[in-house]
Amino acid sequence: MELSLKKNQIDIWQTSVSLFQSNNAIDELTGLLTDEDIAHIELIRRYSEKQVKIVSRAFLRAVLAKYTGQSPKSIQFARGLHGKPKLANADMQFEFNLSHSDDLLACAVSLDQPVGIDVERIRYKRNLKHLGKSVFSPSEQCEFEQLSEQHQELYFFDRWTLKESLIKATGKGLTTKLSKVSFGKRDAIASFSVSGQQLVEVSGEYGSWLWPISTEHRLAVTMLARASIAEPVTFRSFNFLPKRVAASAAA
């Protein structure tokens, strides 16, 4: 069934590599890949990286096929000025972005507004105060230093995930420093939606949202607006499952 999208709507898809591994379903994904995909994956030496690439590439193709009505293999990709993937098919106007952190993968899809998505696993990092200097704006650095050590870790990953989603939405990638973006003095988790203070030039307005999708993961999405996003943004959430798991869930 082909899915449709409305203006100011973002669909968020999630899956994991282990889900397909544990159900012996990696092989069903290779049928969604092109010969070019497979040739590229064969060049990867590490087995674990190959598995991630198979799942992520098939996941993206399968998700986009649900909106375009095309087969996963017929989806063609191009790259923007700074390398952000986009649809090359002239008749397909959807915006999308993909992210993964270790085992978890997530994809955001919108109708015509650029989107960025980032998922991060909260993990122990040494010298957070030192790392924060490359991540935080001056105001965020002040907030960070006033927090307890436990809350500093959460604050670090909350802001990092939000900023990555914004930078990915702009398509400027590593050309934008995280410290040039600020999310102000609001608690990103409690407020659910964070309005960003623009310290970096972003075309139009934008909105960013952050979810604690597990005790160990954060997921953030940013939508850029070609006009205005003053109207409410709606979300839908989906899981991409192996066939046998999907069939069991539907039963």
C-alpha atoms as a PDB file:
ATOM      1  CA  MET A   1       0.000   0.000   0.000  1.00  0.00           C
ATOM      2  CA  GLU A   2       1.366   3.397  -1.029  1.00  0.00           C
ATOM      3  CA  LEU A   3       1.619   5.941   1.795  1.00  0.00           C
ATOM      4  CA  SER A   4       0.750   9.602   1.361  1.00  0.00           C
ATOM      5  CA  LEU A   5       2.156  12.623   3.155  1.00  0.00           C
ATOM      6  CA  LYS A   6       0.595  15.956   4.029  1.00  0.00           C
ATOM      7  CA  LYS A   7       2.235  19.343   4.308  1.00  0.00           C
ATOM      8  CA  ASN A   8       4.039  19.840   7.637  1.00  0.00           C
ATOM      9  CA  GLN A   9       4.067  16.114   8.322  1.00  0.00           C
ATOM     10  CA  ILE A  10       7.096  13.986   9.146  1.00  0.00           C
ATOM     11  CA  ASP A  11       7.118  10.202   9.095  1.00  0.00           C
ATOM     12  CA  ILE A  12       9.771   8.547  11.237  1.00  0.00           C
ATOM     13  CA  TRP A  13      10.849   4.981  10.534  1.00  0.00           C
ATOM     14  CA  GLN A  14      13.007   2.814  12.787  1.00  0.00           C
ATOM     15  CA  THR A  15      14.692  -0.564  12.514  1.00  0.00           C
ATOM     16  CA  SER A  16      17.787  -2.365  13.778  1.00  0.00           C
ATOM     17  CA  VAL A  17      20.482  -4.594  12.355  1.00  0.00           C
ATOM     18  CA  SER A  18      20.107  -7.156  15.148  1.00  0.00           C
ATOM     19  CA  LEU A  19      16.396  -7.518  14.392  1.00  0.00           C
ATOM     20  CA  PHE A  20      17.201  -8.875  10.933  1.00  0.00           C
ATOM     21  CA  GLN A  21      20.186 -10.880  12.144  1.00  0.00           C
ATOM     22  CA  SER A  22      18.252 -12.634  14.919  1.00  0.00           C
ATOM     23  CA  ASN A  23      15.471 -13.549  12.486  1.00  0.00           C
ATOM     24  CA  ASN A  24      17.886 -14.771   9.805  1.00  0.00           C
ATOM     25  CA  ALA A  25      16.396 -12.164   7.494  1.00  0.00           C
ATOM     26  CA  ILE A  26      19.464 -10.432   6.071  1.00  0.00           C
ATOM     27  CA  ASP A  27      19.072 -12.385   2.823  1.00  0.00           C
ATOM     28  CA  GLU A  28      15.582 -10.998   2.247  1.00  0.00           C
ATOM     29  CA  LEU A  29      17.118  -7.509   2.200  1.00  0.00           C
ATOM     30  CA  THR A  30      19.643  -8.219  -0.528  1.00  0.00           C
ATOM     31  CA  GLY A  31      16.753  -8.594  -2.965  1.00  0.00           C
ATOM     32  CA  LEU A  32      15.985  -4.906  -2.451  1.00  0.00           C
ATOM     33  CA  LEU A  33      19.484  -3.804  -3.478  1.00  0.00           C
ATOM     34  CA  THR A  34      20.830  -2.887  -6.890  1.00  0.00           C
ATOM     35  CA  ASP A  35      23.933  -4.447  -8.422  1.00  0.00           C
ATOM     36  CA  GLU A  36      25.734  -1.174  -7.718  1.00  0.00           C
ATOM     37  CA  ASP A  37      24.746  -1.350  -4.033  1.00  0.00           C
ATOM     38  CA  ILE A  38      26.012  -4.912  -3.750  1.00  0.00           C
ATOM     39  CA  ALA A  39      29.297  -4.109  -5.521  1.00  0.00           C
ATOM     40  CA  HIS A  40      29.886  -1.224  -3.110  1.00  0.00           C
ATOM     41  CA  ILE A  41      29.088  -3.364  -0.064  1.00  0.00           C
ATOM     42  CA  GLU A  42      31.463  -6.109  -1.238  1.00  0.00           C
ATOM     43  CA  LEU A  43      34.333  -3.624  -0.953  1.00  0.00           C
ATOM     44  CA  ILE A  44      33.741  -3.275   2.799  1.00  0.00           C
ATOM     45  CA  ARG A  45      36.142  -5.518   4.693  1.00  0.00           C
ATOM     46  CA  ARG A  46      34.606  -5.724   8.157  1.00  0.00           C
ATOM     47  CA  TYR A  47      31.677  -8.137   8.393  1.00  0.00           C
ATOM     48  CA  SER A  48      29.803  -6.002  10.936  1.00  0.00           C
ATOM     49  CA  GLU A  49      30.058  -2.937   8.693  1.00  0.00           C
ATOM     50  CA  LYS A  50      28.775  -4.944   5.745  1.00  0.00           C
ATOM     51  CA  GLN A  51      25.736  -6.003   7.763  1.00  0.00           C
ATOM     52  CA  VAL A  52      24.978  -2.407   8.729  1.00  0.00           C
ATOM     53  CA  LYS A  53      25.326  -1.270   5.118  1.00  0.00           C
ATOM     54  CA  ILE A  54      23.027  -3.999   3.803  1.00  0.00           C
ATOM     55  CA  VAL A  55      20.312  -3.159   6.328  1.00  0.00           C
ATOM     56  CA  SER A  56      20.641   0.625   6.010  1.00  0.00           C
ATOM     57  CA  ARG A  57      20.599   0.638   2.202  1.00  0.00           C
ATOM     58  CA  ALA A  58      17.701  -1.802   1.934  1.00  0.00           C
ATOM     59  CA  PHE A  59      15.846  -0.003   4.728  1.00  0.00           C
ATOM     60  CA  LEU A  60      16.082   3.328   2.919  1.00  0.00           C
ATOM     61  CA  ARG A  61      15.015   1.870  -0.427  1.00  0.00           C
ATOM     62  CA  ALA A  62      12.079  -0.011   1.113  1.00  0.00           C
ATOM     63  CA  VAL A  63      10.855   3.061   3.012  1.00  0.00           C
ATOM     64  CA  LEU A  64      11.018   5.396   0.011  1.00  0.00           C
ATOM     65  CA  ALA A  65       9.280   2.815  -2.174  1.00  0.00           C
ATOM     66  CA  LYS A  66       6.266   3.008   0.134  1.00  0.00           C
ATOM     67  CA  TYR A  67       5.741   6.671  -0.831  1.00  0.00           C
ATOM     68  CA  THR A  68       6.747   6.634  -4.488  1.00  0.00           C
ATOM     69  CA  GLY A  69       4.933   3.521  -5.653  1.00  0.00           C
ATOM     70  CA  GLN A  70       8.171   2.384  -7.275  1.00  0.00           C
ATOM     71  CA  SER A  71      10.090  -0.809  -6.563  1.00  0.00           C
ATOM     72  CA  PRO A  72      12.971  -0.402  -4.090  1.00  0.00           C
ATOM     73  CA  LYS A  73      15.523  -1.181  -6.810  1.00  0.00           C
ATOM     74  CA  SER A  74      14.195   1.547  -9.111  1.00  0.00           C
ATOM     75  CA  ILE A  75      14.864   4.322  -6.581  1.00  0.00           C
ATOM     76  CA  GLN A  76      17.755   6.443  -7.823  1.00  0.00           C
ATOM     77  CA  PHE A  77      19.881   8.728  -5.669  1.00  0.00           C
ATOM     78  CA  ALA A  78      21.906  11.861  -6.281  1.00  0.00           C
ATOM     79  CA  ARG A  79      23.900  14.080  -3.944  1.00  0.00           C
ATOM     80  CA  GLY A  80      23.545  17.740  -3.107  1.00  0.00           C
ATOM     81  CA  LEU A  81      26.301  20.348  -2.970  1.00  0.00           C
ATOM     82  CA  HIS A  82      27.668  19.083   0.349  1.00  0.00           C
ATOM     83  CA  GLY A  83      26.924  15.411  -0.230  1.00  0.00           C
ATOM     84  CA  LYS A  84      23.442  15.062   1.281  1.00  0.00           C
ATOM     85  CA  PRO A  85      21.606  12.255  -0.564  1.00  0.00           C
ATOM     86  CA  LYS A  86      18.432  13.138  -2.464  1.00  0.00           C
ATOM     87  CA  LEU A  87      16.100  11.466  -4.923  1.00  0.00           C
ATOM     88  CA  ALA A  88      17.306  11.621  -8.511  1.00  0.00           C
ATOM     89  CA  ASN A  89      13.990  10.482  -9.997  1.00  0.00           C
ATOM     90  CA  ALA A  90      12.472  13.631 -11.506  1.00  0.00           C
ATOM     91  CA  ASP A  91       8.906  12.579 -10.663  1.00  0.00           C
ATOM     92  CA  MET A  92       9.652  12.036  -6.961  1.00  0.00           C
ATOM     93  CA  GLN A  93       9.554  15.127  -4.753  1.00  0.00           C
ATOM     94  CA  PHE A  94       9.937  13.633  -1.283  1.00  0.00           C
ATOM     95  CA  GLU A  95      12.557  14.804   1.208  1.00  0.00           C
ATOM     96  CA  PHE A  96      14.316  12.267   3.408  1.00  0.00           C
ATOM     97  CA  ASN A  97      17.261  11.688   5.703  1.00  0.00           C
ATOM     98  CA  LEU A  98      18.838   8.600   7.271  1.00  0.00           C
ATOM     99  CA  SER A  99      20.814   8.089  10.481  1.00  0.00           C
ATOM    100  CA  HIS A 100      22.268   5.167  12.401  1.00  0.00           C
ATOM    101  CA  SER A 101      24.043   4.639  15.692  1.00  0.00           C
ATOM    102  CA  ASP A 102      25.523   1.193  16.281  1.00  0.00           C
ATOM    103  CA  ASP A 103      22.590  -1.205  15.876  1.00  0.00           C
ATOM    104  CA  LEU A 104      19.771   1.323  15.494  1.00  0.00           C
ATOM    105  CA  LEU A 105      18.683   2.981  12.232  1.00  0.00           C
ATOM    106  CA  ALA A 106      16.155   5.758  11.693  1.00  0.00           C
ATOM    107  CA  CYS A 107      14.764   7.529   8.626  1.00  0.00           C
ATOM    108  CA  ALA A 108      12.671  10.699   8.350  1.00  0.00           C
ATOM    109  CA  VAL A 109      10.467  11.459   5.322  1.00  0.00           C
ATOM    110  CA  SER A 110       8.566  14.649   4.492  1.00  0.00           C
ATOM    111  CA  LEU A 111       6.593  15.854   1.494  1.00  0.00           C
ATOM    112  CA  ASP A 112       8.535  18.933   0.415  1.00  0.00           C
ATOM    113  CA  GLN A 113      10.310  20.416   3.432  1.00  0.00           C
ATOM    114  CA  PRO A 114      13.971  19.464   3.966  1.00  0.00           C
ATOM    115  CA  VAL A 115      14.430  17.237   7.016  1.00  0.00           C
ATOM    116  CA  GLY A 116      17.356  15.998   9.039  1.00  0.00           C
ATOM    117  CA  ILE A 117      17.375  13.135  11.525  1.00  0.00           C
ATOM    118  CA  ASP A 118      19.974  11.975  14.001  1.00  0.00           C
ATOM    119  CA  VAL A 119      19.996   9.098  16.458  1.00  0.00           C
ATOM    120  CA  GLU A 120      22.688   8.700  19.096  1.00  0.00           C
ATOM    121  CA  ARG A 121      23.454   6.125  21.749  1.00  0.00           C
ATOM    122  CA  ILE A 122      24.313   7.644  25.108  1.00  0.00           C
ATOM    123  CA  ARG A 123      27.709   6.271  26.003  1.00  0.00           C
ATOM    124  CA  TYR A 124      30.438   7.105  28.435  1.00  0.00           C
ATOM    125  CA  LYS A 125      32.859   9.706  27.121  1.00  0.00           C
ATOM    126  CA  ARG A 126      35.942  11.001  28.847  1.00  0.00           C
ATOM    127  CA  ASN A 127      36.620  14.707  29.128  1.00  0.00           C
ATOM    128  CA  LEU A 128      33.071  15.863  28.384  1.00  0.00           C
ATOM    129  CA  LYS A 129      34.051  19.365  29.414  1.00  0.00           C
ATOM    130  CA  HIS A 130      36.760  19.405  26.766  1.00  0.00           C
ATOM    131  CA  LEU A 131      34.485  17.893  24.111  1.00  0.00           C
ATOM    132  CA  GLY A 132      31.779  20.395  24.997  1.00  0.00           C
ATOM    133  CA  LYS A 133      33.939  23.246  23.741  1.00  0.00           C
ATOM    134  CA  SER A 134      33.557  21.928  20.191  1.00  0.00           C
ATOM    135  CA  VAL A 135      29.840  21.164  20.606  1.00  0.00           C
ATOM    136  CA  PHE A 136      28.347  23.953  22.743  1.00  0.00           C
ATOM    137  CA  SER A 137      27.694  27.592  22.069  1.00  0.00           C
ATOM    138  CA  PRO A 138      28.905  29.977  24.826  1.00  0.00           C
ATOM    139  CA  SER A 139      25.460  30.056  26.488  1.00  0.00           C
ATOM    140  CA  GLU A 140      25.179  26.257  26.385  1.00  0.00           C
ATOM    141  CA  GLN A 141      28.661  25.916  27.840  1.00  0.00           C
ATOM    142  CA  CYS A 142      27.558  28.000  30.826  1.00  0.00           C
ATOM    143  CA  GLU A 143      24.458  25.840  31.314  1.00  0.00           C
ATOM    144  CA  PHE A 144      26.525  22.666  31.020  1.00  0.00           C
ATOM    145  CA  GLU A 145      29.035  23.717  33.665  1.00  0.00           C
ATOM    146  CA  GLN A 146      26.251  24.349  36.182  1.00  0.00           C
ATOM    147  CA  LEU A 147      24.927  20.782  35.951  1.00  0.00           C
ATOM    148  CA  SER A 148      25.858  17.707  37.967  1.00  0.00           C
ATOM    149  CA  GLU A 149      28.121  15.147  36.283  1.00  0.00           C
ATOM    150  CA  GLN A 150      25.177  12.807  35.593  1.00  0.00           C
ATOM    151  CA  HIS A 151      23.086  15.548  33.994  1.00  0.00           C
ATOM    152  CA  GLN A 152      26.061  16.837  32.028  1.00  0.00           C
ATOM    153  CA  GLU A 153      26.185  13.550  30.091  1.00  0.00           C
ATOM    154  CA  LEU A 154      22.492  13.749  29.165  1.00  0.00           C
ATOM    155  CA  TYR A 155      22.761  17.438  28.281  1.00  0.00           C
ATOM    156  CA  PHE A 156      25.738  16.721  26.027  1.00  0.00           C
ATOM    157  CA  PHE A 157      23.969  14.018  24.015  1.00  0.00           C
ATOM    158  CA  ASP A 158      20.660  15.912  23.871  1.00  0.00           C
ATOM    159  CA  ARG A 159      22.306  18.969  22.336  1.00  0.00           C
ATOM    160  CA  TRP A 160      24.610  16.943  20.105  1.00  0.00           C
ATOM    161  CA  THR A 161      21.700  14.965  18.645  1.00  0.00           C
ATOM    162  CA  LEU A 162      19.589  18.090  18.077  1.00  0.00           C
ATOM    163  CA  LYS A 163      22.432  19.923  16.382  1.00  0.00           C
ATOM    164  CA  GLU A 164      23.308  17.011  14.133  1.00  0.00           C
ATOM    165  CA  SER A 165      19.679  16.822  12.958  1.00  0.00           C
ATOM    166  CA  LEU A 166      19.682  20.553  12.146  1.00  0.00           C
ATOM    167  CA  ILE A 167      22.967  20.427  10.273  1.00  0.00           C
ATOM    168  CA  LYS A 168      21.819  17.376   8.332  1.00  0.00           C
ATOM    169  CA  ALA A 169      18.591  19.173   7.408  1.00  0.00           C
ATOM    170  CA  THR A 170      20.554  22.077   5.934  1.00  0.00           C
ATOM    171  CA  GLY A 171      22.644  19.650   3.917  1.00  0.00           C
ATOM    172  CA  LYS A 172      25.810  21.505   4.908  1.00  0.00           C
ATOM    173  CA  GLY A 173      27.199  18.646   6.973  1.00  0.00           C
ATOM    174  CA  LEU A 174      30.676  19.107   8.392  1.00  0.00           C
ATOM    175  CA  THR A 175      30.945  22.579   6.869  1.00  0.00           C
ATOM    176  CA  THR A 176      28.960  23.840   9.895  1.00  0.00           C
ATOM    177  CA  LYS A 177      30.503  23.663  13.372  1.00  0.00           C
ATOM    178  CA  LEU A 178      28.222  22.389  16.123  1.00  0.00           C
ATOM    179  CA  SER A 179      29.329  25.241  18.378  1.00  0.00           C
ATOM    180  CA  LYS A 180      27.802  27.702  15.895  1.00  0.00           C
ATOM    181  CA  VAL A 181      24.330  26.355  16.619  1.00  0.00           C
ATOM    182  CA  SER A 182      22.526  26.976  19.903  1.00  0.00           C
ATOM    183  CA  PHE A 183      19.310  25.565  21.337  1.00  0.00           C
ATOM    184  CA  GLY A 184      18.965  28.082  24.124  1.00  0.00           C
ATOM    185  CA  LYS A 185      18.072  27.606  27.775  1.00  0.00           C
ATOM    186  CA  ARG A 186      15.156  25.216  27.535  1.00  0.00           C
ATOM    187  CA  ASP A 187      15.191  21.628  28.703  1.00  0.00           C
ATOM    188  CA  ALA A 188      15.020  19.767  25.390  1.00  0.00           C
ATOM    189  CA  ILE A 189      13.504  16.617  26.874  1.00  0.00           C
ATOM    190  CA  ALA A 190      10.821  18.257  29.003  1.00  0.00           C
ATOM    191  CA  SER A 191       9.761  20.788  26.393  1.00  0.00           C
ATOM    192  CA  PHE A 192       9.613  18.135  23.620  1.00  0.00           C
ATOM    193  CA  SER A 193       9.910  20.827  20.947  1.00  0.00           C
ATOM    194  CA  VAL A 194      12.880  23.140  20.885  1.00  0.00           C
ATOM    195  CA  SER A 195      12.983  26.442  19.035  1.00  0.00           C
ATOM    196  CA  GLY A 196      16.544  27.086  17.945  1.00  0.00           C
ATOM    197  CA  GLN A 197      18.376  30.352  18.258  1.00  0.00           C
ATOM    198  CA  GLN A 198      20.025  30.768  14.897  1.00  0.00           C
ATOM    199  CA  LEU A 199      23.737  31.367  15.189  1.00  0.00           C
ATOM    200  CA  VAL A 200      24.293  29.830  11.790  1.00  0.00           C
ATOM    201  CA  GLU A 201      22.623  30.993   8.599  1.00  0.00           C
ATOM    202  CA  VAL A 202      19.690  28.709   7.864  1.00  0.00           C
ATOM    203  CA  SER A 203      17.331  29.300   4.951  1.00  0.00           C
ATOM    204  CA  GLY A 204      13.911  30.125   6.379  1.00  0.00           C
ATOM    205  CA  GLU A 205      12.581  28.986   9.731  1.00  0.00           C
ATOM    206  CA  TYR A 206      13.071  25.610  11.307  1.00  0.00           C
ATOM    207  CA  GLY A 207      11.756  23.425  14.087  1.00  0.00           C
ATOM    208  CA  SER A 208      13.598  20.686  15.972  1.00  0.00           C
ATOM    209  CA  TRP A 209      12.176  17.889  18.111  1.00  0.00           C
ATOM    210  CA  LEU A 210      13.894  15.474  20.470  1.00  0.00           C
ATOM    211  CA  TRP A 211      12.739  12.110  21.838  1.00  0.00           C
ATOM    212  CA  PRO A 212      14.299   9.824  24.457  1.00  0.00           C
ATOM    213  CA  ILE A 213      13.377   6.719  22.452  1.00  0.00           C
ATOM    214  CA  SER A 214      15.032   4.488  25.061  1.00  0.00           C
ATOM    215  CA  THR A 215      17.084   4.879  28.210  1.00  0.00           C
ATOM    216  CA  GLU A 216      20.178   4.668  25.994  1.00  0.00           C
ATOM    217  CA  HIS A 217      19.151   6.509  22.830  1.00  0.00           C
ATOM    218  CA  ARG A 218      18.104   9.959  21.694  1.00  0.00           C
ATOM    219  CA  LEU A 219      16.421  10.724  18.382  1.00  0.00           C
ATOM    220  CA  ALA A 220      16.103  14.248  16.983  1.00  0.00           C
ATOM    221  CA  VAL A 221      14.400  15.566  13.849  1.00  0.00           C
ATOM    222  CA  THR A 222      14.639  19.001  12.256  1.00  0.00           C
ATOM    223  CA  MET A 223      12.406  20.406   9.517  1.00  0.00           C
ATOM    224  CA  LEU A 224      13.427  23.444   7.490  1.00  0.00           C
ATOM    225  CA  ALA A 225      10.682  25.634   6.097  1.00  0.00           C
ATOM    226  CA  ARG A 226      10.657  27.030   2.594  1.00  0.00           C
ATOM    227  CA  ALA A 227       7.661  29.144   3.664  1.00  0.00           C
ATOM    228  CA  SER A 228       6.603  28.939   7.303  1.00  0.00           C
ATOM    229  CA  ILE A 229       6.172  26.201   9.865  1.00  0.00           C
ATOM    230  CA  ALA A 230       3.966  28.313  12.104  1.00  0.00           C
ATOM    231  CA  GLU A 231       1.311  25.640  11.577  1.00  0.00           C
ATOM    232  CA  PRO A 232       1.591  22.516  13.763  1.00  0.00           C
ATOM    233  CA  VAL A 233       3.895  19.777  12.520  1.00  0.00           C
ATOM    234  CA  THR A 234       2.452  16.272  12.798  1.00  0.00           C
ATOM    235  CA  PHE A 235       4.345  13.007  13.149  1.00  0.00           C
ATOM    236  CA  ARG A 236       3.783   9.362  12.359  1.00  0.00           C
ATOM    237  CA  SER A 237       6.009   6.538  13.541  1.00  0.00           C
ATOM    238  CA  PHE A 238       6.632   3.198  11.812  1.00  0.00           C
ATOM    239  CA  ASN A 239       8.832   0.144  12.317  1.00  0.00           C
ATOM    240  CA  PHE A 240      10.536  -1.663   9.447  1.00  0.00           C
ATOM    241  CA  LEU A 241      10.373  -5.369  10.312  1.00  0.00           C
ATOM    242  CA  PRO A 242      11.468  -8.693   8.829  1.00  0.00           C
ATOM    243  CA  LYS A 243       8.640 -10.349   6.882  1.00  0.00           C
ATOM    244  CA  ARG A 244       7.995 -13.092   9.421  1.00  0.00           C
ATOM    245  CA  VAL A 245       7.906 -10.592  12.309  1.00  0.00           C
ATOM    246  CA  ALA A 246       5.612  -8.267  10.391  1.00  0.00           C
ATOM    247  CA  ALA A 247       3.284 -11.160   9.581  1.00  0.00           C
ATOM    248  CA  SER A 248       3.158 -12.203  13.257  1.00  0.00           C
ATOM    249  CA  ALA A 249       2.422  -8.635  14.350  1.00  0.00           C
ATOM    250  CA  ALA A 250      -0.408  -8.345  11.838  1.00  0.00           C
ATOM    251  CA  ALA A 251      -1.969 -11.658  12.893  1.00  0.00           C
END
